[in-house]
């Protein structure tokens, strides 16, 4: 499926540039004051609604106990809530609070700023091809799982 035609090093460089430019790789700062990069990632994932603890841990590729440690300061600071699932009282649902939704909105705004700055550098004549390529890569990423890397 086209892998032989595209040098994977180019994709690696793209991913690295995204990480560097978005400051995701920095160890203690993120786009939003008060959130580490990992916490910002959690907030962005919770944009889709509520998650069960185990499902969110799996989505992040971490153990549930690690997720608990990551969530504790977010709960303490009123960013996320943990509540019993009304349909299954043995499960805990994690979701953003109103404060967390505000942080999410700030994260989205800053990410859009970065994306717009990058897209401004793309020549108009290339924009349709770039968008098609991004959509294809996004689809491929969503269908790919990584185990044991």
Protein backbone atom coordinates (compact mmCIF):
# COMPACT_ATOMS: atom_id res chain seq x y z
CA UNK A 1 0.00 0.00 0.00
CA UNK A 2 2.35 2.79 -1.05
CA UNK A 3 4.93 2.36 1.70
CA UNK A 4 7.68 1.63 -0.81
CA UNK A 5 7.10 5.03 -2.48
CA UNK A 6 7.32 7.17 0.65
CA UNK A 7 10.38 7.38 2.84
CA UNK A 8 9.15 6.79 6.44
CA UNK A 9 11.90 9.13 7.65
CA UNK A 10 9.86 12.02 6.23
CA UNK A 11 6.87 11.01 8.35
CA UNK A 12 9.21 10.67 11.33
CA UNK A 13 10.47 14.22 10.72
CA UNK A 14 6.90 15.51 10.45
CA UNK A 15 5.87 13.88 13.72
CA UNK A 16 8.99 15.21 15.44
CA UNK A 17 8.31 18.76 14.17
CA UNK A 18 4.72 18.57 15.42
CA UNK A 19 5.92 17.43 18.84
CA UNK A 20 8.65 20.07 19.06
CA UNK A 21 6.58 22.98 17.77
CA UNK A 22 3.65 22.13 20.03
CA UNK A 23 5.99 21.78 23.06
CA UNK A 24 4.56 18.32 23.71
CA UNK A 25 8.09 17.06 24.34
CA UNK A 26 8.86 19.58 27.05
CA UNK A 27 8.86 17.94 30.42
CA UNK A 28 7.06 20.45 32.59
CA UNK A 29 5.23 22.97 30.42
CA UNK A 30 2.34 22.81 28.05
CA UNK A 31 0.15 25.24 26.20
CA UNK A 32 -2.08 25.79 29.22
CA UNK A 33 -0.71 26.98 32.54
CA UNK A 34 -1.23 24.43 35.28
CA UNK A 35 -1.20 21.39 32.99
CA UNK A 36 1.74 19.16 32.20
CA UNK A 37 1.89 17.92 28.59
CA UNK A 38 0.54 14.52 29.71
CA UNK A 39 -2.32 16.16 31.58
CA UNK A 40 -3.09 18.33 28.53
CA UNK A 41 -3.27 15.15 26.47
CA UNK A 42 -5.76 13.67 28.93
CA UNK A 43 -7.87 16.82 28.81
CA UNK A 44 -7.88 16.70 25.01
CA UNK A 45 -8.94 13.03 25.01
CA UNK A 46 -11.80 13.79 27.38
CA UNK A 47 -13.18 16.15 24.74
CA UNK A 48 -15.12 13.15 23.43
CA UNK A 49 -17.13 12.81 26.66
CA UNK A 50 -16.64 10.46 29.56
CA UNK A 51 -14.37 7.44 29.69
CA UNK A 52 -14.24 4.47 31.96
CA UNK A 53 -10.94 4.39 33.85
CA UNK A 54 -9.68 1.25 32.08
CA UNK A 55 -10.69 2.51 28.64
CA UNK A 56 -8.90 5.83 29.12
CA UNK A 57 -5.79 4.05 30.41
CA UNK A 58 -5.83 1.76 27.36
CA UNK A 59 -6.27 4.76 25.02
CA UNK A 60 -3.22 6.38 26.64
CA UNK A 61 -1.26 3.12 26.60
CA UNK A 62 -0.69 3.14 30.35
CA UNK A 63 -1.71 1.03 33.33
CA UNK A 64 -4.88 2.04 35.22
CA UNK A 65 -2.81 2.66 38.35
CA UNK A 66 -0.61 5.12 36.41
CA UNK A 67 -3.73 6.85 35.13
CA UNK A 68 -5.01 7.19 38.70
CA UNK A 69 -1.78 8.96 39.69
CA UNK A 70 -2.07 11.27 36.66
CA UNK A 71 -5.72 12.04 37.38
CA UNK A 72 -5.34 12.76 41.10
CA UNK A 73 -3.97 16.33 40.63
CA UNK A 74 -6.52 17.01 37.88
CA UNK A 75 -9.33 15.99 40.23
CA UNK A 76 -7.80 18.00 43.08
CA UNK A 77 -7.60 21.09 40.84
CA UNK A 78 -11.17 20.68 39.61
CA UNK A 79 -10.24 19.88 35.99
CA UNK A 80 -11.79 16.40 35.84
CA UNK A 81 -14.29 14.50 37.92
CA UNK A 82 -14.54 10.83 38.74
CA UNK A 83 -18.07 9.57 39.28
CA UNK A 84 -19.77 6.21 39.55
CA UNK A 85 -21.34 5.05 36.30
CA UNK A 86 -25.11 5.13 36.91
CA UNK A 87 -25.52 2.13 34.58
CA UNK A 88 -22.85 0.05 36.33
CA UNK A 89 -21.93 1.20 39.81
CA UNK A 90 -18.70 -0.82 39.76
CA UNK A 91 -17.29 1.49 37.08
CA UNK A 92 -15.84 4.95 37.46
CA UNK A 93 -16.46 7.49 34.71
CA UNK A 94 -13.94 10.26 34.13
CA UNK A 95 -15.03 13.51 32.52
CA UNK A 96 -14.13 17.17 32.30
CA UNK A 97 -15.61 19.65 34.74
CA UNK A 98 -16.66 23.17 33.68
CA UNK A 99 -13.14 24.32 34.61
CA UNK A 100 -11.70 21.49 32.53
CA UNK A 101 -13.89 22.45 29.56
CA UNK A 102 -12.43 25.96 29.78
CA UNK A 103 -8.91 24.53 29.72
CA UNK A 104 -9.88 22.34 26.77
CA UNK A 105 -11.16 25.38 24.91
CA UNK A 106 -7.87 27.16 25.60
CA UNK A 107 -5.90 24.11 24.41
CA UNK A 108 -7.92 23.92 21.19
CA UNK A 109 -7.44 27.64 20.57
CA UNK A 110 -3.69 27.43 20.97
CA UNK A 111 -3.42 24.27 18.86
CA UNK A 112 -5.46 25.96 16.10
CA UNK A 113 -3.08 28.91 16.27
CA UNK A 114 -0.11 26.58 15.70
CA UNK A 115 -1.91 24.75 12.88
CA UNK A 116 -2.92 27.98 11.16
CA UNK A 117 0.65 29.28 11.39
CA UNK A 118 1.90 26.11 9.68
CA UNK A 119 -0.82 26.08 7.03
CA UNK A 120 -0.04 29.70 6.13
CA UNK A 121 3.32 28.43 4.86
CA UNK A 122 1.67 25.99 2.43
CA UNK A 123 1.34 27.45 -1.08
CA UNK A 124 -2.29 27.84 -2.19
CA UNK A 125 -1.67 25.57 -5.19
CA UNK A 126 -0.68 22.72 -2.84
CA UNK A 127 -3.44 23.14 -0.25
CA UNK A 128 -5.85 20.51 -1.68
CA UNK A 129 -3.09 17.89 -1.92
CA UNK A 130 -1.81 18.70 1.57
CA UNK A 131 -5.31 18.37 3.04
CA UNK A 132 -5.87 15.07 1.24
CA UNK A 133 -2.53 13.80 2.53
CA UNK A 134 -3.28 14.86 6.09
CA UNK A 135 -6.68 13.16 5.95
CA UNK A 136 -5.07 9.96 4.63
CA UNK A 137 -2.42 10.03 7.37
CA UNK A 138 -5.02 10.68 10.06
CA UNK A 139 -7.07 7.74 8.82
CA UNK A 140 -3.95 5.52 8.80
CA UNK A 141 -2.97 6.61 12.32
CA UNK A 142 -6.46 5.88 13.66
CA UNK A 143 -6.35 2.36 12.19
CA UNK A 144 -2.87 1.55 13.48
CA UNK A 145 -2.13 0.14 16.92
CA UNK A 146 1.33 -0.11 18.41
CA UNK A 147 2.20 -2.82 20.87
CA UNK A 148 5.47 -3.13 22.71
CA UNK A 149 7.30 -0.25 21.07
